[in-house]
Each structure stands twice: as C-alpha cells, then as structure tokens.
C-alpha cells in the first residue's frame, strides 16, 4: 500500500479531524474541527473546517488528529 492509499484509508471522506497547529496565515485557529472531503494524489487531506474555511492539511507540516 502506498502513502496516499494509506492516508485515504486512515482519513476517509466524512471523518472528523481537529487542528492542533498549522503554520499558515489563512489557517483556522487551533482546536478547530472539520470534516475530511478527500485526499488528493499528493497526500494532502482536504477539510471543510467548521468555521467555514476549506484549507488542506499537509501531513508533514501540520499538527492534527482524527476524532
């Protein structure tokens, strides 16, 4: 199983995540929850955040967890 397939299995569409830290000026605040919409072909996890944002997570740079 490659990295992207593994991420798609670990973070399926509809699962919930919580952001701990993202180093981006457009990032939602720490503690913001969201719903995974898809994992793209380079392994970014796209999320619809509960605050209305829709910024993707980078598994190498961002801190988050599945809830």
PDB file of N, CA and C in Angstrom:
ATOM      1  N   UNK A   1       0.860  -1.180   0.000  1.00  0.00           N
ATOM      2  CA  UNK A   1       0.000   0.000   0.000  1.00  0.00           C
ATOM      3  C   UNK A   1       0.902   1.238   0.000  1.00  0.00           C
ATOM      4  N   UNK A   2       0.630   2.169  -0.922  1.00  0.00           N
ATOM      5  CA  UNK A   2       1.440   3.381  -0.961  1.00  0.00           C
ATOM      6  C   UNK A   2       0.928   4.416   0.048  1.00  0.00           C
ATOM      7  N   UNK A   3       1.678   5.492   0.187  1.00  0.00           N
ATOM      8  CA  UNK A   3       1.382   6.518   1.191  1.00  0.00           C
ATOM      9  C   UNK A   3      -0.010   7.133   1.008  1.00  0.00           C
ATOM     10  N   UNK A   4      -0.372   7.458  -0.222  1.00  0.00           N
ATOM     11  CA  UNK A   4      -1.671   8.089  -0.480  1.00  0.00           C
ATOM     12  C   UNK A   4      -2.813   7.132  -0.166  1.00  0.00           C
ATOM     13  N   UNK A   5      -2.681   5.873  -0.557  1.00  0.00           N
ATOM     14  CA  UNK A   5      -3.715   4.878  -0.239  1.00  0.00           C
ATOM     15  C   UNK A   5      -3.858   4.716   1.271  1.00  0.00           C
ATOM     16  N   UNK A   6      -2.721   4.720   1.985  1.00  0.00           N
ATOM     17  CA  UNK A   6      -2.749   4.621   3.442  1.00  0.00           C
ATOM     18  C   UNK A   6      -3.500   5.806   4.048  1.00  0.00           C
ATOM     19  N   UNK A   7      -3.208   7.025   3.570  1.00  0.00           N
ATOM     20  CA  UNK A   7      -3.887   8.216   4.087  1.00  0.00           C
ATOM     21  C   UNK A   7      -5.379   8.176   3.793  1.00  0.00           C
ATOM     22  N   UNK A   8      -5.741   7.700   2.610  1.00  0.00           N
ATOM     23  CA  UNK A   8      -7.163   7.599   2.254  1.00  0.00           C
ATOM     24  C   UNK A   8      -7.891   6.609   3.160  1.00  0.00           C
ATOM     25  N   UNK A   9      -7.182   5.564   3.578  1.00  0.00           N
ATOM     26  CA  UNK A   9      -7.782   4.596   4.493  1.00  0.00           C
ATOM     27  C   UNK A   9      -7.892   5.175   5.904  1.00  0.00           C
ATOM     28  N   UNK A  10      -6.862   5.910   6.345  1.00  0.00           N
ATOM     29  CA  UNK A  10      -6.838   6.487   7.690  1.00  0.00           C
ATOM     30  C   UNK A  10      -7.773   7.690   7.836  1.00  0.00           C
ATOM     31  N   UNK A  11      -7.978   8.438   6.746  1.00  0.00           N
ATOM     32  CA  UNK A  11      -8.795   9.654   6.762  1.00  0.00           C
ATOM     33  C   UNK A  11      -9.841   9.590   5.651  1.00  0.00           C
ATOM     34  N   UNK A  12     -10.816   8.691   5.790  1.00  0.00           N
ATOM     35  CA  UNK A  12     -11.840   8.556   4.746  1.00  0.00           C
ATOM     36  C   UNK A  12     -12.754   9.787   4.687  1.00  0.00           C
ATOM     37  N   UNK A  13     -13.361   9.973   3.559  1.00  0.00           N
ATOM     38  CA  UNK A  13     -14.324  11.062   3.383  1.00  0.00           C
ATOM     39  C   UNK A  13     -15.367  10.985   4.495  1.00  0.00           C
ATOM     40  N   UNK A  14     -15.610  12.126   5.131  1.00  0.00           N
ATOM     41  CA  UNK A  14     -16.612  12.198   6.186  1.00  0.00           C
ATOM     42  C   UNK A  14     -16.065  12.079   7.594  1.00  0.00           C
ATOM     43  N   UNK A  15     -14.806  11.633   7.741  1.00  0.00           N
ATOM     44  CA  UNK A  15     -14.268  11.528   9.099  1.00  0.00           C
ATOM     45  C   UNK A  15     -13.951  12.925   9.635  1.00  0.00           C
ATOM     46  N   UNK A  16     -13.927  13.037  10.955  1.00  0.00           N
ATOM     47  CA  UNK A  16     -13.701  14.329  11.617  1.00  0.00           C
ATOM     48  C   UNK A  16     -12.259  14.426  12.088  1.00  0.00           C
ATOM     49  N   UNK A  17     -11.699  15.635  11.976  1.00  0.00           N
ATOM     50  CA  UNK A  17     -10.354  15.925  12.451  1.00  0.00           C
ATOM     51  C   UNK A  17     -10.385  17.197  13.286  1.00  0.00           C
ATOM     52  N   UNK A  18      -9.344  17.369  14.102  1.00  0.00           N
ATOM     53  CA  UNK A  18      -9.188  18.597  14.873  1.00  0.00           C
ATOM     54  C   UNK A  18      -7.780  19.127  14.601  1.00  0.00           C
ATOM     55  N   UNK A  19      -7.680  20.412  14.386  1.00  0.00           N
ATOM     56  CA  UNK A  19      -6.403  21.059  14.103  1.00  0.00           C
ATOM     57  C   UNK A  19      -5.704  21.421  15.400  1.00  0.00           C
ATOM     58  N   UNK A  20      -4.420  21.058  15.492  1.00  0.00           N
ATOM     59  CA  UNK A  20      -3.606  21.458  16.638  1.00  0.00           C
ATOM     60  C   UNK A  20      -2.748  22.673  16.262  1.00  0.00           C
ATOM     61  N   UNK A  21      -2.128  22.615  15.076  1.00  0.00           N
ATOM     62  CA  UNK A  21      -1.307  23.733  14.621  1.00  0.00           C
ATOM     63  C   UNK A  21      -1.088  23.645  13.115  1.00  0.00           C
ATOM     64  N   UNK A  22      -1.189  24.799  12.462  1.00  0.00           N
ATOM     65  CA  UNK A  22      -0.889  24.912  11.042  1.00  0.00           C
ATOM     66  C   UNK A  22      -0.172  26.250  10.862  1.00  0.00           C
ATOM     67  N   UNK A  23       1.013  26.230  10.275  1.00  0.00           N
ATOM     68  CA  UNK A  23       1.791  27.448  10.075  1.00  0.00           C
ATOM     69  C   UNK A  23       1.397  28.098   8.748  1.00  0.00           C
ATOM     70  N   UNK A  24       0.239  28.750   8.753  1.00  0.00           N
ATOM     71  CA  UNK A  24      -0.306  29.387   7.561  1.00  0.00           C
ATOM     72  C   UNK A  24      -1.169  30.562   8.017  1.00  0.00           C
ATOM     73  N   UNK A  25      -1.020  31.708   7.376  1.00  0.00           N
ATOM     74  CA  UNK A  25      -1.791  32.889   7.786  1.00  0.00           C
ATOM     75  C   UNK A  25      -3.294  32.681   7.601  1.00  0.00           C
ATOM     76  N   UNK A  26      -3.681  31.782   6.718  1.00  0.00           N
ATOM     77  CA  UNK A  26      -5.102  31.513   6.479  1.00  0.00           C
ATOM     78  C   UNK A  26      -5.625  30.345   7.311  1.00  0.00           C
ATOM     79  N   UNK A  27      -4.781  29.791   8.171  1.00  0.00           N
ATOM     80  CA  UNK A  27      -5.156  28.614   8.953  1.00  0.00           C
ATOM     81  C   UNK A  27      -6.264  28.922   9.943  1.00  0.00           C
ATOM     82  N   UNK A  28      -7.154  27.958  10.147  1.00  0.00           N
ATOM     83  CA  UNK A  28      -8.145  28.090  11.215  1.00  0.00           C
ATOM     84  C   UNK A  28      -7.422  28.091  12.566  1.00  0.00           C
ATOM     85  N   UNK A  29      -8.059  28.611  13.595  1.00  0.00           N
ATOM     86  CA  UNK A  29      -7.441  28.585  14.923  1.00  0.00           C
ATOM     87  C   UNK A  29      -7.234  27.153  15.429  1.00  0.00           C
ATOM     88  N   UNK A  30      -6.223  26.980  16.262  1.00  0.00           N
ATOM     89  CA  UNK A  30      -6.006  25.679  16.899  1.00  0.00           C
ATOM     90  C   UNK A  30      -7.282  25.257  17.621  1.00  0.00           C
ATOM     91  N   UNK A  31      -7.605  23.973  17.537  1.00  0.00           N
ATOM     92  CA  UNK A  31      -8.809  23.457  18.164  1.00  0.00           C
ATOM     93  C   UNK A  31     -10.008  23.405  17.231  1.00  0.00           C
ATOM     94  N   UNK A  32      -9.877  24.009  16.039  1.00  0.00           N
ATOM     95  CA  UNK A  32     -10.983  23.979  15.073  1.00  0.00           C
ATOM     96  C   UNK A  32     -11.165  22.557  14.559  1.00  0.00           C
ATOM     97  N   UNK A  33     -12.414  22.128  14.477  1.00  0.00           N
ATOM     98  CA  UNK A  33     -12.748  20.802  13.968  1.00  0.00           C
ATOM     99  C   UNK A  33     -13.229  20.922  12.533  1.00  0.00           C
ATOM    100  N   UNK A  34     -13.120  19.815  11.800  1.00  0.00           N
ATOM    101  CA  UNK A  34     -13.568  19.822  10.418  1.00  0.00           C
ATOM    102  C   UNK A  34     -13.845  18.425   9.916  1.00  0.00           C
ATOM    103  N   UNK A  35     -14.369  18.365   8.684  1.00  0.00           N
ATOM    104  CA  UNK A  35     -14.745  17.111   8.047  1.00  0.00           C
ATOM    105  C   UNK A  35     -13.902  16.896   6.800  1.00  0.00           C
ATOM    106  N   UNK A  36     -13.286  15.725   6.686  1.00  0.00           N
ATOM    107  CA  UNK A  36     -12.467  15.397   5.519  1.00  0.00           C
ATOM    108  C   UNK A  36     -13.369  15.263   4.296  1.00  0.00           C
ATOM    109  N   UNK A  37     -12.971  15.935   3.204  1.00  0.00           N
ATOM    110  CA  UNK A  37     -13.727  15.854   1.956  1.00  0.00           C
ATOM    111  C   UNK A  37     -13.046  14.949   0.938  1.00  0.00           C
ATOM    112  N   UNK A  38     -11.718  14.876   0.986  1.00  0.00           N
ATOM    113  CA  UNK A  38     -10.970  13.968   0.111  1.00  0.00           C
ATOM    114  C   UNK A  38      -9.486  14.063   0.411  1.00  0.00           C
ATOM    115  N   UNK A  39      -8.731  13.061  -0.061  1.00  0.00           N
ATOM    116  CA  UNK A  39      -7.272  13.065  -0.002  1.00  0.00           C
ATOM    117  C   UNK A  39      -6.789  13.088  -1.451  1.00  0.00           C
ATOM    118  N   UNK A  40      -5.994  14.104  -1.780  1.00  0.00           N
ATOM    119  CA  UNK A  40      -5.561  14.240  -3.180  1.00  0.00           C
ATOM    120  C   UNK A  40      -4.392  13.307  -3.507  1.00  0.00           C
ATOM    121  N   UNK A  41      -3.956  13.332  -4.749  1.00  0.00           N
ATOM    122  CA  UNK A  41      -2.934  12.403  -5.231  1.00  0.00           C
ATOM    123  C   UNK A  41      -1.536  12.663  -4.675  1.00  0.00           C
ATOM    124  N   UNK A  42      -1.319  13.811  -4.023  1.00  0.00           N
ATOM    125  CA  UNK A  42      -0.016  14.056  -3.385  1.00  0.00           C
ATOM    126  C   UNK A  42      -0.099  13.887  -1.869  1.00  0.00           C
ATOM    127  N   UNK A  43      -1.257  13.451  -1.378  1.00  0.00           N
ATOM    128  CA  UNK A  43      -1.400  13.126   0.032  1.00  0.00           C
ATOM    129  C   UNK A  43      -1.850  14.258   0.932  1.00  0.00           C
ATOM    130  N   UNK A  44      -2.343  15.346   0.367  1.00  0.00           N
ATOM    131  CA  UNK A  44      -2.914  16.400   1.201  1.00  0.00           C
ATOM    132  C   UNK A  44      -4.348  16.020   1.565  1.00  0.00           C
ATOM    133  N   UNK A  45      -4.710  16.287   2.815  1.00  0.00           N
ATOM    134  CA  UNK A  45      -6.042  15.948   3.303  1.00  0.00           C
ATOM    135  C   UNK A  45      -6.892  17.211   3.251  1.00  0.00           C
ATOM    136  N   UNK A  46      -7.885  17.211   2.382  1.00  0.00           N
ATOM    137  CA  UNK A  46      -8.744  18.380   2.210  1.00  0.00           C
ATOM    138  C   UNK A  46      -9.876  18.333   3.228  1.00  0.00           C
ATOM    139  N   UNK A  47     -10.085  19.477   3.888  1.00  0.00           N
ATOM    140  CA  UNK A  47     -11.018  19.534   5.013  1.00  0.00           C
ATOM    141  C   UNK A  47     -11.947  20.737   4.863  1.00  0.00           C
ATOM    142  N   UNK A  48     -13.224  20.516   5.129  1.00  0.00           N
ATOM    143  CA  UNK A  48     -14.170  21.619   5.319  1.00  0.00           C
ATOM    144  C   UNK A  48     -14.201  21.897   6.811  1.00  0.00           C
ATOM    145  N   UNK A  49     -13.583  22.994   7.210  1.00  0.00           N
ATOM    146  CA  UNK A  49     -13.492  23.341   8.627  1.00  0.00           C
ATOM    147  C   UNK A  49     -14.816  23.906   9.116  1.00  0.00           C
ATOM    148  N   UNK A  50     -15.122  23.670  10.382  1.00  0.00           N
ATOM    149  CA  UNK A  50     -16.390  24.104  10.973  1.00  0.00           C
ATOM    150  C   UNK A  50     -16.542  25.623  11.005  1.00  0.00           C
ATOM    151  N   UNK A  51     -15.443  26.374  10.814  1.00  0.00           N
ATOM    152  CA  UNK A  51     -15.529  27.833  10.790  1.00  0.00           C
ATOM    153  C   UNK A  51     -15.782  28.377   9.374  1.00  0.00           C
ATOM    154  N   UNK A  52     -15.988  27.477   8.398  1.00  0.00           N
ATOM    155  CA  UNK A  52     -16.288  27.894   7.032  1.00  0.00           C
ATOM    156  C   UNK A  52     -15.099  27.853   6.090  1.00  0.00           C
ATOM    157  N   UNK A  53     -13.908  27.653   6.602  1.00  0.00           N
ATOM    158  CA  UNK A  53     -12.699  27.557   5.793  1.00  0.00           C
ATOM    159  C   UNK A  53     -12.630  26.187   5.120  1.00  0.00           C
ATOM    160  N   UNK A  54     -11.841  26.086   4.057  1.00  0.00           N
ATOM    161  CA  UNK A  54     -11.648  24.793   3.403  1.00  0.00           C
ATOM    162  C   UNK A  54     -10.188  24.638   2.982  1.00  0.00           C
ATOM    163  N   UNK A  55      -9.315  24.614   3.953  1.00  0.00           N
ATOM    164  CA  UNK A  55      -7.880  24.533   3.719  1.00  0.00           C
ATOM    165  C   UNK A  55      -7.399  23.098   3.929  1.00  0.00           C
ATOM    166  N   UNK A  56      -6.494  22.636   3.038  1.00  0.00           N
ATOM    167  CA  UNK A  56      -5.981  21.267   3.121  1.00  0.00           C
ATOM    168  C   UNK A  56      -4.886  21.144   4.180  1.00  0.00           C
ATOM    169  N   UNK A  57      -4.806  19.956   4.758  1.00  0.00           N
ATOM    170  CA  UNK A  57      -3.752  19.630   5.719  1.00  0.00           C
ATOM    171  C   UNK A  57      -2.572  18.990   4.997  1.00  0.00           C
ATOM    172  N   UNK A  58      -1.374  19.386   5.392  1.00  0.00           N
ATOM    173  CA  UNK A  58      -0.157  18.759   4.909  1.00  0.00           C
ATOM    174  C   UNK A  58       0.343  17.864   6.037  1.00  0.00           C
ATOM    175  N   UNK A  59       0.363  16.551   5.815  1.00  0.00           N
ATOM    176  CA  UNK A  59       0.693  15.620   6.890  1.00  0.00           C
ATOM    177  C   UNK A  59       2.120  15.773   7.388  1.00  0.00           C
ATOM    178  N   UNK A  60       3.004  16.356   6.603  1.00  0.00           N
ATOM    179  CA  UNK A  60       4.401  16.530   7.006  1.00  0.00           C
ATOM    180  C   UNK A  60       4.602  17.814   7.827  1.00  0.00           C
ATOM    181  N   UNK A  61       3.736  18.801   7.641  1.00  0.00           N
ATOM    182  CA  UNK A  61       3.952  20.110   8.273  1.00  0.00           C
ATOM    183  C   UNK A  61       2.937  20.467   9.347  1.00  0.00           C
ATOM    184  N   UNK A  62       1.727  19.966   9.231  1.00  0.00           N
ATOM    185  CA  UNK A  62       0.654  20.377  10.130  1.00  0.00           C
ATOM    186  C   UNK A  62       0.438  19.367  11.252  1.00  0.00           C
ATOM    187  N   UNK A  63      -0.051  19.861  12.377  1.00  0.00           N
ATOM    188  CA  UNK A  63      -0.356  19.011  13.525  1.00  0.00           C
ATOM    189  C   UNK A  63      -1.864  18.916  13.664  1.00  0.00           C
ATOM    190  N   UNK A  64      -2.393  17.687  13.641  1.00  0.00           N
ATOM    191  CA  UNK A  64      -3.831  17.460  13.713  1.00  0.00           C
ATOM    192  C   UNK A  64      -4.065  16.032  14.153  1.00  0.00           C
ATOM    193  N   UNK A  65      -5.289  15.718  14.480  1.00  0.00           N
ATOM    194  CA  UNK A  65      -5.628  14.334  14.804  1.00  0.00           C
ATOM    195  C   UNK A  65      -7.048  14.032  14.378  1.00  0.00           C
ATOM    196  N   UNK A  66      -7.301  12.756  14.178  1.00  0.00           N
ATOM    197  CA  UNK A  66      -8.643  12.290  13.843  1.00  0.00           C
ATOM    198  C   UNK A  66      -9.426  12.156  15.143  1.00  0.00           C
ATOM    199  N   UNK A  67     -10.698  12.537  15.106  1.00  0.00           N
ATOM    200  CA  UNK A  67     -11.540  12.433  16.308  1.00  0.00           C
ATOM    201  C   UNK A  67     -12.751  11.567  16.008  1.00  0.00           C
TER     202      UNK A  67
END
